[in-house]
Protein backbone atom coordinates (compact mmCIF):
# COMPACT_ATOMS: atom_id res chain seq x y z
CA MET A 1 0.11 -32.52 98.42
CA PHE A 2 0.14 -30.80 95.02
CA LYS A 3 2.04 -27.53 94.93
CA GLU A 4 1.91 -25.20 91.94
CA THR A 5 5.35 -24.13 90.74
CA ILE A 6 6.72 -22.04 87.87
CA TYR A 7 9.03 -24.88 86.85
CA PRO A 8 8.57 -28.61 87.42
CA GLU A 9 10.61 -30.58 89.92
CA PHE A 10 13.65 -32.24 88.38
CA SER A 11 13.54 -36.01 88.59
CA TRP A 12 14.87 -38.96 86.61
CA SER A 13 13.13 -42.01 85.21
CA LEU A 14 13.80 -44.54 82.48
CA SER A 15 11.02 -43.08 80.35
CA ARG A 16 12.51 -39.57 80.74
CA HIS A 17 15.94 -40.94 79.80
CA LYS A 18 14.53 -42.61 76.67
CA THR A 19 12.67 -39.46 75.64
CA PHE A 20 15.83 -37.39 75.99
CA LEU A 21 17.81 -39.82 73.83
CA ASP A 22 15.01 -39.96 71.28
CA CYS A 23 14.72 -36.20 70.67
CA GLN A 24 15.68 -33.22 72.83
CA ARG A 25 12.88 -31.06 71.38
CA LYS A 26 10.34 -33.73 72.30
CA TYR A 27 11.93 -33.85 75.76
CA ALA A 28 11.47 -30.08 76.15
CA TYR A 29 7.80 -30.21 75.18
CA ASP A 30 7.14 -33.20 77.42
CA TYR A 31 8.95 -32.18 80.59
CA TYR A 32 9.07 -28.37 80.48
CA ILE A 33 6.88 -26.56 77.94
CA GLY A 34 3.76 -28.51 78.94
CA HIS A 35 4.20 -27.72 82.65
CA ASN A 36 1.16 -25.80 83.96
CA GLY A 37 -0.47 -26.35 80.57
CA TRP A 38 -3.63 -27.50 82.34
CA LYS A 39 -4.26 -23.90 83.47
CA ASN A 40 -6.66 -21.81 81.41
CA ASP A 41 -4.36 -18.78 81.58
CA ALA A 42 -1.23 -20.71 80.51
CA PRO A 43 0.50 -19.68 77.25
CA THR A 44 -0.96 -21.32 74.15
CA ILE A 45 2.17 -23.38 73.51
CA SER A 46 2.04 -24.76 77.07
CA ARG A 47 -1.61 -25.71 76.76
CA ASP A 48 -0.94 -27.35 73.40
CA ALA A 49 2.08 -29.26 74.72
CA TYR A 50 0.14 -30.46 77.76
CA ARG A 51 -2.72 -31.62 75.54
CA LEU A 52 -0.49 -33.39 73.01
CA LYS A 53 1.44 -35.10 75.79
CA LYS A 54 -1.79 -36.90 76.69
CA ILE A 55 -2.05 -38.57 73.28
CA THR A 56 -1.48 -42.31 73.31
CA ASN A 57 -1.28 -44.93 70.57
CA LEU A 58 -3.03 -48.25 70.14
CA GLU A 59 -0.16 -50.39 71.42
CA MET A 60 0.42 -48.20 74.49
CA LEU A 61 -3.29 -48.05 75.25
CA PHE A 62 -3.53 -51.83 75.05
CA GLY A 63 -0.45 -52.36 77.22
CA ASN A 64 -1.61 -49.92 79.91
CA ALA A 65 -5.11 -51.40 79.92
CA VAL A 66 -3.76 -54.94 80.40
CA HIS A 67 -1.47 -53.74 83.20
CA ASP A 68 -4.36 -51.99 84.99
CA ILE A 69 -6.62 -55.03 84.68
CA ILE A 70 -3.92 -57.36 86.05
CA PHE A 71 -3.18 -54.94 88.89
CA ASN A 72 -6.86 -54.89 89.89
CA VAL A 73 -7.32 -58.66 89.52
CA ILE A 74 -4.39 -59.37 91.85
CA LYS A 75 -5.49 -56.70 94.31
CA GLN A 76 -9.02 -58.11 94.38
CA TYR A 77 -7.80 -61.69 94.78
CA LEU A 78 -5.54 -60.81 97.71
CA SER A 79 -8.44 -59.18 99.56
CA THR A 80 -11.37 -61.43 98.57
CA ASN A 81 -9.94 -64.62 96.96
CA HIS A 82 -12.20 -63.92 93.99
CA ILE A 83 -10.88 -64.53 90.46
CA PRO A 84 -12.92 -63.11 87.57
CA SER A 85 -13.41 -65.24 84.49
CA GLU A 86 -11.27 -64.95 81.39
CA SER A 87 -14.30 -63.81 79.38
CA GLU A 88 -15.05 -61.08 81.93
CA LEU A 89 -11.55 -59.66 81.66
CA ILE A 90 -11.62 -59.79 77.87
CA LEU A 91 -14.90 -57.86 77.93
CA ARG A 92 -13.35 -55.23 80.26
CA LEU A 93 -10.42 -54.86 77.92
CA ARG A 94 -12.63 -54.53 74.84
CA ASN A 95 -14.70 -51.86 76.57
CA ILE A 96 -11.58 -49.82 77.37
CA LEU A 97 -10.40 -50.03 73.76
CA ASN A 98 -13.85 -49.20 72.37
CA THR A 99 -14.24 -46.19 74.66
CA ALA A 100 -10.85 -44.88 73.53
CA PHE A 101 -11.90 -45.30 69.90
CA GLN A 102 -15.18 -43.45 70.50
CA ASP A 103 -13.37 -40.65 72.35
CA SER A 104 -10.86 -40.24 69.53
CA MET A 105 -13.42 -40.30 66.71
CA HIS A 106 -16.37 -38.46 68.23
CA ARG A 107 -15.27 -36.53 71.32
CA LYS A 108 -12.29 -34.56 70.06
CA SER A 109 -13.66 -31.22 71.28
CA LEU A 110 -14.15 -32.68 74.76
CA TRP A 111 -10.62 -34.07 74.72
CA ILE A 112 -9.21 -30.68 73.67
CA ALA A 113 -10.99 -29.04 76.59
CA ARG A 114 -10.19 -31.77 79.13
CA PRO A 115 -7.41 -34.02 77.78
CA LYS A 116 -6.91 -35.70 81.15
CA TYR A 117 -10.41 -37.19 81.10
CA TYR A 118 -10.71 -38.43 77.52
CA THR A 119 -8.51 -40.55 75.28
CA MET A 120 -7.00 -39.51 71.96
CA LEU A 121 -5.24 -42.07 69.79
CA HIS A 122 -2.23 -40.86 67.81
CA GLU A 123 -3.31 -42.81 64.73
CA ILE A 124 -6.67 -41.06 64.63
CA TYR A 125 -5.46 -37.59 65.64
CA TYR A 126 -2.83 -37.41 62.90
CA ASN A 127 -4.17 -39.81 60.26
CA GLY A 128 -7.91 -39.93 60.84
CA SER A 129 -8.26 -43.70 61.29
CA LEU A 130 -6.75 -46.84 62.77
CA PRO A 131 -4.61 -48.95 60.42
CA VAL A 132 -6.33 -52.28 59.75
CA GLU A 133 -3.15 -54.25 60.42
CA LYS A 134 -2.82 -52.65 63.88
CA VAL A 135 -6.42 -53.43 64.76
CA ASN A 136 -5.98 -57.06 63.69
CA ASP A 137 -2.77 -57.34 65.71
CA ILE A 138 -4.46 -56.03 68.87
CA GLN A 139 -7.43 -58.35 68.33
CA GLU A 140 -5.03 -61.30 68.26
CA ARG A 141 -3.14 -60.11 71.34
CA LEU A 142 -6.28 -59.51 73.36
CA ASP A 143 -7.38 -63.10 74.00
CA VAL A 144 -3.81 -64.41 74.13
CA CYS A 145 -2.53 -61.98 76.77
CA ILE A 146 -5.42 -62.57 79.16
CA LYS A 147 -5.13 -66.34 78.78
CA HIS A 148 -1.38 -66.25 79.37
CA PHE A 149 -1.81 -64.06 82.44
CA PHE A 150 -3.97 -66.71 84.10
CA ASN A 151 -1.35 -69.36 83.20
CA SER A 152 1.66 -67.22 84.13
CA LYS A 153 4.17 -68.37 86.73
CA THR A 154 3.52 -65.30 88.85
CA PHE A 155 -0.26 -65.69 89.04
CA THR A 156 0.15 -69.43 89.63
CA ASP A 157 2.50 -68.64 92.54
CA ILE A 158 0.00 -66.15 93.98
CA ILE A 159 -2.78 -68.74 93.95
CA ASN A 160 -0.79 -71.77 95.09
CA LYS A 161 1.65 -70.35 97.65
CA ARG A 162 0.54 -69.15 101.04
CA GLN A 163 3.91 -68.24 102.56
CA MET A 164 4.19 -64.95 100.74
CA ARG A 165 4.50 -61.33 101.78
CA PHE A 166 3.03 -58.90 99.28
CA VAL A 167 4.46 -55.42 99.04
CA GLU A 168 1.94 -52.59 99.23
CA ALA A 169 -0.11 -52.08 96.08
CA GLU A 170 1.30 -48.60 95.38
CA ARG A 171 2.88 -48.72 91.93
CA PHE A 172 4.61 -45.34 91.81
CA ARG A 173 7.69 -45.15 94.00
CA TYR A 174 10.91 -43.22 94.12
CA MET A 175 14.35 -43.22 95.65
CA LYS A 176 16.92 -40.46 96.00
CA MET A 177 20.39 -40.55 94.51
CA ASN A 178 22.65 -37.52 94.92
CA ASP A 179 19.54 -35.49 95.87
CA VAL A 180 17.79 -36.41 92.61
CA LYS A 181 14.44 -38.18 92.79
CA ILE A 182 14.47 -41.41 90.74
CA THR A 183 10.90 -42.32 89.82
CA ILE A 184 10.01 -46.00 89.51
CA VAL A 185 6.83 -47.70 88.30
CA MET A 186 6.67 -51.32 89.48
CA ASP A 187 4.03 -53.84 88.44
CA PHE A 188 4.23 -56.35 91.27
CA VAL A 189 6.59 -57.27 94.12
CA TYR A 190 6.35 -60.06 96.65
CA ARG A 191 8.46 -61.89 99.19
CA ASP A 192 8.57 -65.68 98.90
CA ILE A 193 9.04 -66.66 102.56
CA GLN A 194 9.58 -70.32 101.75
CA GLU A 195 12.34 -69.63 99.22
CA GLY A 196 13.74 -66.70 101.16
CA LYS A 197 13.77 -64.24 98.24
CA TRP A 198 12.08 -61.19 96.81
CA ILE A 199 10.48 -61.41 93.36
CA ILE A 200 10.01 -58.34 91.17
CA VAL A 201 7.59 -58.90 88.28
CA ASP A 202 7.08 -56.84 85.14
CA TRP A 203 4.27 -57.74 82.75
CA LYS A 204 5.05 -57.34 79.04
CA THR A 205 2.38 -57.25 76.32
CA GLY A 206 4.88 -56.84 73.48
CA LYS A 207 7.94 -58.71 72.30
CA GLU A 208 11.15 -59.15 74.26
CA SER A 209 13.55 -56.22 74.30
CA PHE A 210 17.19 -55.88 75.33
CA GLU A 211 16.07 -53.04 77.64
CA ASP A 212 13.90 -55.33 79.77
CA ARG A 213 16.76 -56.47 82.02
CA HIS A 214 17.94 -52.86 82.61
CA GLN A 215 14.45 -51.85 83.69
CA LEU A 216 14.26 -54.65 86.23
CA ALA A 217 17.77 -53.85 87.49
CA LEU A 218 16.46 -50.41 88.43
CA TYR A 219 13.62 -52.03 90.35
CA ALA A 220 16.09 -54.31 92.15
CA MET A 221 18.17 -51.31 93.20
CA TYR A 222 15.07 -49.68 94.66
CA LEU A 223 14.07 -52.86 96.49
CA GLN A 224 17.55 -53.30 97.93
CA ARG A 225 17.49 -49.77 99.36
CA ALA A 226 13.84 -49.62 100.43
CA PHE A 227 13.77 -52.98 102.24
CA ASN A 228 17.42 -53.17 103.29
CA VAL A 229 18.10 -56.34 101.30
CA LYS A 230 21.62 -57.40 102.20
CA ASP A 231 22.38 -59.83 99.39
CA LEU A 232 21.45 -59.50 95.71
CA ASP A 233 20.99 -63.27 95.63
CA GLU A 234 17.79 -62.65 97.60
CA ILE A 235 16.29 -60.78 94.63
CA GLU A 236 14.83 -62.44 91.55
CA ILE A 237 13.77 -60.15 88.71
CA ARG A 238 11.23 -61.62 86.32
CA ASN A 239 9.65 -60.58 83.02
CA GLU A 240 6.31 -62.19 82.20
CA TYR A 241 5.83 -62.10 78.42
CA LEU A 242 2.07 -62.33 77.96
CA LEU A 243 2.22 -62.47 74.18
CA SER A 244 4.29 -65.65 74.10
CA GLY A 245 3.22 -67.06 77.47
CA THR A 246 6.83 -67.32 78.65
CA HIS A 247 8.85 -65.73 81.43
CA LYS A 248 12.49 -64.94 82.05
CA SER A 249 14.12 -64.59 85.45
CA TYR A 250 17.46 -62.93 86.18
CA LYS A 251 19.91 -62.63 89.03
CA LEU A 252 21.95 -59.48 89.40
CA ASN A 253 25.45 -58.87 90.68
CA PRO A 254 27.08 -55.69 92.06
CA VAL A 255 28.58 -54.91 88.63
CA ASP A 256 25.07 -54.63 87.16
CA LEU A 257 24.11 -52.01 89.74
CA ASP A 258 27.42 -50.16 89.34
CA LYS A 259 26.74 -49.85 85.60
CA LEU A 260 23.22 -48.65 86.34
CA GLU A 261 24.51 -45.95 88.70
CA GLU A 262 27.04 -44.87 86.10
CA MET A 263 24.25 -44.56 83.55
CA PHE A 264 22.19 -42.47 86.02
CA GLY A 265 25.08 -40.11 86.55
CA LEU A 266 25.82 -39.55 82.86
CA SER A 267 22.15 -39.18 81.95
CA ILE A 268 21.36 -36.74 84.76
CA GLN A 269 24.42 -34.61 84.08
CA THR A 270 23.56 -34.35 80.38
CA MET A 271 20.01 -33.27 81.23
CA LEU A 272 21.31 -30.66 83.68
CA ASN A 273 23.38 -29.14 80.86
CA TYR A 274 20.08 -28.01 79.30
CA LEU A 275 19.12 -25.92 82.32
CA GLU A 276 19.66 -22.19 82.57
CA ASP A 277 19.12 -22.40 86.33
CA PRO A 278 19.57 -25.94 87.73
CA GLU A 279 18.41 -24.89 91.20
CA GLN A 280 14.97 -23.90 89.89
CA ASN A 281 15.01 -26.51 87.10
CA LYS A 282 14.56 -23.62 84.68
CA PRO A 283 15.37 -24.75 81.13
CA PHE A 284 17.02 -22.77 78.37
CA SER A 285 14.72 -21.50 75.63
CA LEU A 286 13.08 -24.01 73.29
CA GLU A 287 15.60 -23.32 70.51
CA TYR A 288 18.34 -24.77 72.74
CA PHE A 289 16.71 -28.22 72.42
CA PRO A 290 17.48 -29.58 68.92
CA LYS A 291 15.03 -31.60 66.87
CA THR A 292 15.98 -35.14 65.95
CA GLU A 293 17.67 -35.67 62.59
CA TYR A 294 15.71 -38.88 62.02
CA GLU A 295 12.43 -37.78 60.46
CA LYS A 296 10.91 -41.25 60.76
CA LYS A 297 10.75 -40.68 64.51
CA CYS A 298 8.62 -37.60 63.90
CA GLU A 299 5.82 -39.70 62.42
CA ARG A 300 5.32 -41.40 65.80
CA CYS A 301 5.78 -38.27 67.94
CA ASN A 302 2.90 -36.70 69.85
CA PHE A 303 4.35 -33.23 69.35
CA LYS A 304 4.66 -33.35 65.56
CA GLU A 305 2.01 -30.65 65.29
CA LEU A 306 4.02 -28.26 67.47
CA CYS A 307 7.29 -28.93 65.66
CA GLU A 308 5.63 -27.90 62.41
CA MET A 309 4.54 -24.62 64.04
CA TYR A 310 7.67 -23.60 65.96
C-alpha cells in the first residue's frame, strides 16, 4: 500500500549504486529531489526532477520493450501454450517505438503534465531529433533480437522440458541485509527438476559487459535466501545475449557472494554519509552532492537542464 512520506525510503539496488558512482548530483535529483514531484503543490525543482527522471533514450526504450514483450510471451505460453509469431512480436515492438517517437515529437505538453503516462526520448528532448545512426542500429537489432529470443536456450528449454517449476511472474523483489532493503529486478527464474538446479535468466539486448556476472550474482544471492537453496552448485546464472544469439552460464562460489556483500556494505555506507538524518533518510542540501567532473557524462544525463539552472 502506497504511503506518502516527506522523504523516500532508503533502499539499495545496482542501478542506484551505478547512478551514485556516475554523478552524486544526478543521484540527488533521481533519488531525493524528485520525491513527491508528482504532486501539483510540490516545489518547482521537485516537479522538474520527477519529470526529467522519466526521460528515456532510444537504447533503453528498445531494451525495456523487448524485455516486456518476452515477459508477456513466456507468461502467455505458460498459461495457454500459445506462441505468437515472430512477425507479430516485431509489429508489437515497432508500435511501441513509434508511439514513443510520436509522444516525444508531438505530445510534449501532455508529457510535461503527466510524464508517467507518455514517453519522452532524451535525444528529442535535448537535441530535437533522433540521430540517423541510432535509428539504423535499432532497426537492425529489432528483427535480430526477436529471432534470437525464439532460438534462445531458455525459450527452447521452456518449450521442450516439462519437468520444470516456474517461479512466480513477479519481477520486482527485494531482500533485507542489515535492515536495508535490496531491490532486485529479475527477468526469469525456473527450477529444472530433472537436472536438480535453479536457473536465473537475464535477457540482454546490447553487447556483453563485465558487469553482467555481478548482476546475476545478486540474483543468485536473493534466490539462495528466498528459496533456502543449500548449495550454490544448485544455481546456474545465465545471460541470454539476443543481439549475438549466444548465451553464457556461470557457477558461483562463496567467495563471489562474500565480495558482493562487501560491495553492498561499502556502497551503502558511502550513500549514508550524504544523509543529514539517516533515520528519516533526509539528505543534506543539494550543494552537498557534487557534479561530475566528466562533462561528457552530462550530455547523456536526464538532469542536464536542472544542472544548468542550479
